[in-house]
All heavy atoms as atom14 arrays in JSON, in Angstrom:
{
  "sequence": "GFATRGRTDAAVAQQSAAEDDLAYAVSELER",
  "atom14_mask": [
    [1, 1, 1, 1, 0, 0, 0, 0, 0, 0, 0, 0, 0, 0],
    [1, 1, 1, 1, 1, 1, 1, 1, 1, 1, 1, 0, 0, 0],
    [1, 1, 1, 1, 1, 0, 0, 0, 0, 0, 0, 0, 0, 0],
    [1, 1, 1, 1, 1, 1, 1, 0, 0, 0, 0, 0, 0, 0],
    [1, 1, 1, 1, 1, 1, 1, 1, 1, 1, 1, 0, 0, 0],
    [1, 1, 1, 1, 0, 0, 0, 0, 0, 0, 0, 0, 0, 0],
    [1, 1, 1, 1, 1, 1, 1, 1, 1, 1, 1, 0, 0, 0],
    [1, 1, 1, 1, 1, 1, 1, 0, 0, 0, 0, 0, 0, 0],
    [1, 1, 1, 1, 1, 1, 1, 1, 0, 0, 0, 0, 0, 0],
    [1, 1, 1, 1, 1, 0, 0, 0, 0, 0, 0, 0, 0, 0],
    [1, 1, 1, 1, 1, 0, 0, 0, 0, 0, 0, 0, 0, 0],
    [1, 1, 1, 1, 1, 1, 1, 0, 0, 0, 0, 0, 0, 0],
    [1, 1, 1, 1, 1, 0, 0, 0, 0, 0, 0, 0, 0, 0],
    [1, 1, 1, 1, 1, 1, 1, 1, 1, 0, 0, 0, 0, 0],
    [1, 1, 1, 1, 1, 1, 1, 1, 1, 0, 0, 0, 0, 0],
    [1, 1, 1, 1, 1, 1, 0, 0, 0, 0, 0, 0, 0, 0],
    [1, 1, 1, 1, 1, 0, 0, 0, 0, 0, 0, 0, 0, 0],
    [1, 1, 1, 1, 1, 0, 0, 0, 0, 0, 0, 0, 0, 0],
    [1, 1, 1, 1, 1, 1, 1, 1, 1, 0, 0, 0, 0, 0],
    [1, 1, 1, 1, 1, 1, 1, 1, 0, 0, 0, 0, 0, 0],
    [1, 1, 1, 1, 1, 1, 1, 1, 0, 0, 0, 0, 0, 0],
    [1, 1, 1, 1, 1, 1, 1, 1, 0, 0, 0, 0, 0, 0],
    [1, 1, 1, 1, 1, 0, 0, 0, 0, 0, 0, 0, 0, 0],
    [1, 1, 1, 1, 1, 1, 1, 1, 1, 1, 1, 1, 0, 0],
    [1, 1, 1, 1, 1, 0, 0, 0, 0, 0, 0, 0, 0, 0],
    [1, 1, 1, 1, 1, 1, 1, 0, 0, 0, 0, 0, 0, 0],
    [1, 1, 1, 1, 1, 1, 0, 0, 0, 0, 0, 0, 0, 0],
    [1, 1, 1, 1, 1, 1, 1, 1, 1, 0, 0, 0, 0, 0],
    [1, 1, 1, 1, 1, 1, 1, 1, 0, 0, 0, 0, 0, 0],
    [1, 1, 1, 1, 1, 1, 1, 1, 1, 0, 0, 0, 0, 0],
    [1, 1, 1, 1, 1, 1, 1, 1, 1, 1, 1, 0, 0, 0]
  ],
  "atom14_positions": [
    [[98.58, 57.2, 97.75], [98.55, 58.66, 97.71], [99.56, 59.34, 98.59], [99.8, 60.55, 98.46], [0.0, 0.0, 0.0], [0.0, 0.0, 0.0], [0.0, 0.0, 0.0], [0.0, 0.0, 0.0], [0.0, 0.0, 0.0], [0.0, 0.0, 0.0], [0.0, 0.0, 0.0], [0.0, 0.0, 0.0], [0.0, 0.0, 0.0], [0.0, 0.0, 0.0]],
    [[100.18, 58.62, 99.49], [101.14, 59.24, 100.41], [102.43, 59.67, 99.69], [103.05, 60.66, 100.07], [101.47, 58.3, 101.56], [100.32, 58.08, 102.5], [99.61, 56.89, 102.5], [99.92, 59.08, 103.37], [98.54, 56.69, 103.37], [98.85, 58.88, 104.25], [98.16, 57.69, 104.24], [0.0, 0.0, 0.0], [0.0, 0.0, 0.0], [0.0, 0.0, 0.0]],
    [[102.83, 58.9, 98.67], [104.04, 59.26, 97.92], [103.85, 60.6, 97.21], [104.74, 61.46, 97.21], [104.38, 58.16, 96.91], [0.0, 0.0, 0.0], [0.0, 0.0, 0.0], [0.0, 0.0, 0.0], [0.0, 0.0, 0.0], [0.0, 0.0, 0.0], [0.0, 0.0, 0.0], [0.0, 0.0, 0.0], [0.0, 0.0, 0.0], [0.0, 0.0, 0.0]],
    [[102.69, 60.79, 96.6], [102.4, 62.05, 95.92], [102.38, 63.21, 96.9], [102.91, 64.29, 96.62], [101.06, 61.96, 95.17], [101.13, 60.94, 94.2], [100.73, 63.28, 94.5], [0.0, 0.0, 0.0], [0.0, 0.0, 0.0], [0.0, 0.0, 0.0], [0.0, 0.0, 0.0], [0.0, 0.0, 0.0], [0.0, 0.0, 0.0], [0.0, 0.0, 0.0]],
    [[101.76, 62.98, 98.06], [101.73, 64.04, 99.06], [103.15, 64.41, 99.5], [103.46, 65.61, 99.64], [100.9, 63.6, 100.26], [100.91, 64.64, 101.41], [100.16, 64.14, 102.61], [98.76, 64.07, 102.36], [97.87, 63.7, 103.31], [98.25, 63.35, 104.5], [96.61, 63.69, 103.03], [0.0, 0.0, 0.0], [0.0, 0.0, 0.0], [0.0, 0.0, 0.0]],
    [[104.01, 63.42, 99.71], [105.38, 63.7, 100.12], [106.14, 64.48, 99.07], [106.87, 65.43, 99.38], [0.0, 0.0, 0.0], [0.0, 0.0, 0.0], [0.0, 0.0, 0.0], [0.0, 0.0, 0.0], [0.0, 0.0, 0.0], [0.0, 0.0, 0.0], [0.0, 0.0, 0.0], [0.0, 0.0, 0.0], [0.0, 0.0, 0.0], [0.0, 0.0, 0.0]],
    [[105.98, 64.09, 97.81], [106.67, 64.8, 96.73], [106.14, 66.23, 96.59], [106.9, 67.16, 96.32], [106.52, 64.04, 95.43], [107.18, 62.68, 95.4], [107.19, 62.1, 94.01], [107.69, 60.72, 94.01], [106.93, 59.66, 93.86], [105.62, 59.79, 93.71], [107.47, 58.44, 93.87], [0.0, 0.0, 0.0], [0.0, 0.0, 0.0], [0.0, 0.0, 0.0]],
    [[104.85, 66.41, 96.77], [104.26, 67.74, 96.7], [104.8, 68.64, 97.8], [105.15, 69.8, 97.56], [102.73, 67.67, 96.77], [102.23, 66.86, 95.7], [102.12, 69.05, 96.66], [0.0, 0.0, 0.0], [0.0, 0.0, 0.0], [0.0, 0.0, 0.0], [0.0, 0.0, 0.0], [0.0, 0.0, 0.0], [0.0, 0.0, 0.0], [0.0, 0.0, 0.0]],
    [[104.83, 68.13, 99.02], [105.38, 68.9, 100.14], [106.83, 69.29, 99.88], [107.26, 70.41, 100.2], [105.27, 68.1, 101.44], [103.82, 67.93, 101.9], [102.95, 68.69, 101.42], [103.57, 67.03, 102.73], [0.0, 0.0, 0.0], [0.0, 0.0, 0.0], [0.0, 0.0, 0.0], [0.0, 0.0, 0.0], [0.0, 0.0, 0.0], [0.0, 0.0, 0.0]],
    [[107.6, 68.37, 99.3], [109.0, 68.66, 98.99], [109.1, 69.76, 97.95], [109.94, 70.66, 98.05], [109.71, 67.39, 98.51], [0.0, 0.0, 0.0], [0.0, 0.0, 0.0], [0.0, 0.0, 0.0], [0.0, 0.0, 0.0], [0.0, 0.0, 0.0], [0.0, 0.0, 0.0], [0.0, 0.0, 0.0], [0.0, 0.0, 0.0], [0.0, 0.0, 0.0]],
    [[108.24, 69.71, 96.94], [108.25, 70.72, 95.88], [107.86, 72.09, 96.43], [108.43, 73.12, 96.05], [107.33, 70.31, 94.74], [0.0, 0.0, 0.0], [0.0, 0.0, 0.0], [0.0, 0.0, 0.0], [0.0, 0.0, 0.0], [0.0, 0.0, 0.0], [0.0, 0.0, 0.0], [0.0, 0.0, 0.0], [0.0, 0.0, 0.0], [0.0, 0.0, 0.0]],
    [[106.87, 72.13, 97.33], [106.47, 73.39, 97.95], [107.62, 73.97, 98.78], [107.86, 75.18, 98.78], [105.22, 73.18, 98.82], [104.92, 74.43, 99.65], [104.01, 72.83, 97.95], [0.0, 0.0, 0.0], [0.0, 0.0, 0.0], [0.0, 0.0, 0.0], [0.0, 0.0, 0.0], [0.0, 0.0, 0.0], [0.0, 0.0, 0.0], [0.0, 0.0, 0.0]],
    [[108.34, 73.11, 99.49], [109.49, 73.56, 100.27], [110.58, 74.12, 99.36], [111.23, 75.12, 99.69], [110.05, 72.4, 101.11], [0.0, 0.0, 0.0], [0.0, 0.0, 0.0], [0.0, 0.0, 0.0], [0.0, 0.0, 0.0], [0.0, 0.0, 0.0], [0.0, 0.0, 0.0], [0.0, 0.0, 0.0], [0.0, 0.0, 0.0], [0.0, 0.0, 0.0]],
    [[110.78, 73.5, 98.19], [111.75, 74.0, 97.23], [111.35, 75.38, 96.71], [112.19, 76.26, 96.5], [111.9, 73.02, 96.07], [112.67, 71.76, 96.41], [114.14, 72.04, 96.68], [114.72, 73.0, 96.2], [114.76, 71.17, 97.45], [0.0, 0.0, 0.0], [0.0, 0.0, 0.0], [0.0, 0.0, 0.0], [0.0, 0.0, 0.0], [0.0, 0.0, 0.0]],
    [[110.05, 75.58, 96.51], [109.58, 76.88, 96.08], [109.84, 77.94, 97.14], [110.28, 79.05, 96.83], [108.07, 76.83, 95.76], [107.5, 78.18, 95.33], [106.01, 78.11, 95.05], [105.47, 77.07, 94.73], [105.34, 79.25, 95.18], [0.0, 0.0, 0.0], [0.0, 0.0, 0.0], [0.0, 0.0, 0.0], [0.0, 0.0, 0.0], [0.0, 0.0, 0.0]],
    [[109.58, 77.6, 98.39], [109.86, 78.53, 99.48], [111.34, 78.87, 99.56], [111.71, 80.03, 99.78], [109.38, 77.93, 100.81], [109.67, 78.79, 101.9], [0.0, 0.0, 0.0], [0.0, 0.0, 0.0], [0.0, 0.0, 0.0], [0.0, 0.0, 0.0], [0.0, 0.0, 0.0], [0.0, 0.0, 0.0], [0.0, 0.0, 0.0], [0.0, 0.0, 0.0]],
    [[112.2, 77.86, 99.36], [113.64, 78.09, 99.38], [114.07, 79.01, 98.24], [114.93, 79.88, 98.41], [114.39, 76.76, 99.31], [0.0, 0.0, 0.0], [0.0, 0.0, 0.0], [0.0, 0.0, 0.0], [0.0, 0.0, 0.0], [0.0, 0.0, 0.0], [0.0, 0.0, 0.0], [0.0, 0.0, 0.0], [0.0, 0.0, 0.0], [0.0, 0.0, 0.0]],
    [[113.46, 78.82, 97.06], [113.78, 79.67, 95.92], [113.38, 81.12, 96.17], [114.09, 82.05, 95.78], [113.08, 79.14, 94.66], [0.0, 0.0, 0.0], [0.0, 0.0, 0.0], [0.0, 0.0, 0.0], [0.0, 0.0, 0.0], [0.0, 0.0, 0.0], [0.0, 0.0, 0.0], [0.0, 0.0, 0.0], [0.0, 0.0, 0.0], [0.0, 0.0, 0.0]],
    [[112.26, 81.33, 96.85], [111.83, 82.69, 97.19], [112.79, 83.34, 98.18], [113.1, 84.53, 98.07], [110.41, 82.65, 97.73], [109.37, 82.26, 96.68], [108.0, 81.96, 97.28], [107.92, 81.86, 98.55], [107.02, 81.83, 96.52], [0.0, 0.0, 0.0], [0.0, 0.0, 0.0], [0.0, 0.0, 0.0], [0.0, 0.0, 0.0], [0.0, 0.0, 0.0]],
    [[113.27, 82.56, 99.14], [114.26, 83.08, 100.09], [115.58, 83.4, 99.38], [116.24, 84.39, 99.7], [114.51, 82.06, 101.21], [113.31, 81.93, 102.15], [112.48, 82.86, 102.19], [113.21, 80.89, 102.83], [0.0, 0.0, 0.0], [0.0, 0.0, 0.0], [0.0, 0.0, 0.0], [0.0, 0.0, 0.0], [0.0, 0.0, 0.0], [0.0, 0.0, 0.0]],
    [[115.96, 82.56, 98.41], [117.18, 82.81, 97.65], [117.09, 84.12, 96.87], [118.07, 84.85, 96.75], [117.44, 81.66, 96.68], [117.96, 80.41, 97.38], [118.37, 80.52, 98.55], [117.95, 79.33, 96.75], [0.0, 0.0, 0.0], [0.0, 0.0, 0.0], [0.0, 0.0, 0.0], [0.0, 0.0, 0.0], [0.0, 0.0, 0.0], [0.0, 0.0, 0.0]],
    [[115.9, 84.43, 96.35], [115.71, 85.69, 95.64], [115.9, 86.87, 96.58], [116.58, 87.85, 96.24], [114.32, 85.74, 95.01], [113.93, 87.09, 94.39], [114.89, 87.48, 93.27], [112.49, 87.04, 93.87], [0.0, 0.0, 0.0], [0.0, 0.0, 0.0], [0.0, 0.0, 0.0], [0.0, 0.0, 0.0], [0.0, 0.0, 0.0], [0.0, 0.0, 0.0]],
    [[115.3, 86.79, 97.76], [115.45, 87.87, 98.74], [116.91, 88.08, 99.11], [117.39, 89.22, 99.23], [114.61, 87.58, 99.98], [0.0, 0.0, 0.0], [0.0, 0.0, 0.0], [0.0, 0.0, 0.0], [0.0, 0.0, 0.0], [0.0, 0.0, 0.0], [0.0, 0.0, 0.0], [0.0, 0.0, 0.0], [0.0, 0.0, 0.0], [0.0, 0.0, 0.0]],
    [[117.63, 86.98, 99.29], [119.05, 87.07, 99.62], [119.85, 87.67, 98.47], [120.74, 88.5, 98.69], [119.59, 85.69, 99.97], [121.07, 85.67, 100.28], [121.55, 86.2, 101.47], [121.98, 85.13, 99.38], [122.91, 86.18, 101.77], [123.34, 85.11, 99.66], [123.8, 85.63, 100.85], [125.15, 85.62, 101.12], [0.0, 0.0, 0.0], [0.0, 0.0, 0.0]],
    [[119.53, 87.27, 97.23], [120.24, 87.8, 96.06], [120.02, 89.3, 95.93], [120.96, 90.04, 95.6], [119.77, 87.08, 94.79], [0.0, 0.0, 0.0], [0.0, 0.0, 0.0], [0.0, 0.0, 0.0], [0.0, 0.0, 0.0], [0.0, 0.0, 0.0], [0.0, 0.0, 0.0], [0.0, 0.0, 0.0], [0.0, 0.0, 0.0], [0.0, 0.0, 0.0]],
    [[118.79, 89.76, 96.18], [118.51, 91.2, 96.12], [119.3, 91.94, 97.2], [119.89, 93.0, 96.95], [117.0, 91.46, 96.28], [116.73, 92.95, 96.46], [116.24, 90.93, 95.07], [0.0, 0.0, 0.0], [0.0, 0.0, 0.0], [0.0, 0.0, 0.0], [0.0, 0.0, 0.0], [0.0, 0.0, 0.0], [0.0, 0.0, 0.0], [0.0, 0.0, 0.0]],
    [[119.35, 91.38, 98.4], [120.1, 92.0, 99.49], [121.58, 92.09, 99.15], [122.22, 93.12, 99.37], [119.88, 91.21, 100.78], [120.67, 91.72, 101.83], [0.0, 0.0, 0.0], [0.0, 0.0, 0.0], [0.0, 0.0, 0.0], [0.0, 0.0, 0.0], [0.0, 0.0, 0.0], [0.0, 0.0, 0.0], [0.0, 0.0, 0.0], [0.0, 0.0, 0.0]],
    [[122.14, 91.0, 98.62], [123.56, 90.98, 98.26], [123.86, 91.95, 97.12], [124.91, 92.6, 97.11], [123.97, 89.57, 97.87], [124.16, 88.64, 99.05], [125.29, 89.1, 99.96], [126.46, 89.03, 99.53], [124.99, 89.54, 101.09], [0.0, 0.0, 0.0], [0.0, 0.0, 0.0], [0.0, 0.0, 0.0], [0.0, 0.0, 0.0], [0.0, 0.0, 0.0]],
    [[122.94, 92.06, 96.18], [123.12, 92.99, 95.08], [123.16, 94.42, 95.59], [124.03, 95.21, 95.19], [122.01, 92.82, 94.05], [122.02, 93.82, 92.88], [123.27, 93.65, 92.04], [120.76, 93.65, 92.03], [0.0, 0.0, 0.0], [0.0, 0.0, 0.0], [0.0, 0.0, 0.0], [0.0, 0.0, 0.0], [0.0, 0.0, 0.0], [0.0, 0.0, 0.0]],
    [[122.22, 94.77, 96.46], [122.2, 96.12, 97.01], [123.47, 96.41, 97.81], [124.01, 97.51, 97.76], [120.95, 96.31, 97.87], [119.66, 96.29, 97.07], [118.42, 96.38, 97.94], [118.54, 96.02, 99.15], [117.35, 96.77, 97.43], [0.0, 0.0, 0.0], [0.0, 0.0, 0.0], [0.0, 0.0, 0.0], [0.0, 0.0, 0.0], [0.0, 0.0, 0.0]],
    [[123.94, 95.41, 98.56], [125.18, 95.59, 99.31], [126.36, 95.81, 98.38], [127.21, 96.66, 98.62], [125.43, 94.37, 100.19], [126.63, 94.51, 101.12], [126.79, 93.27, 101.98], [127.17, 92.12, 101.19], [128.44, 91.83, 100.85], [129.43, 92.61, 101.25], [128.69, 90.76, 100.12], [0.0, 0.0, 0.0], [0.0, 0.0, 0.0], [0.0, 0.0, 0.0]]
  ]
}
């Protein structure tokens, strides 16, 4: 079960990164 947990944590981190990328894209667009 540890492999699944590691992959899940990685996927959650990717989701967080994608949300940050959206915020940055909005900021750059407004600029």
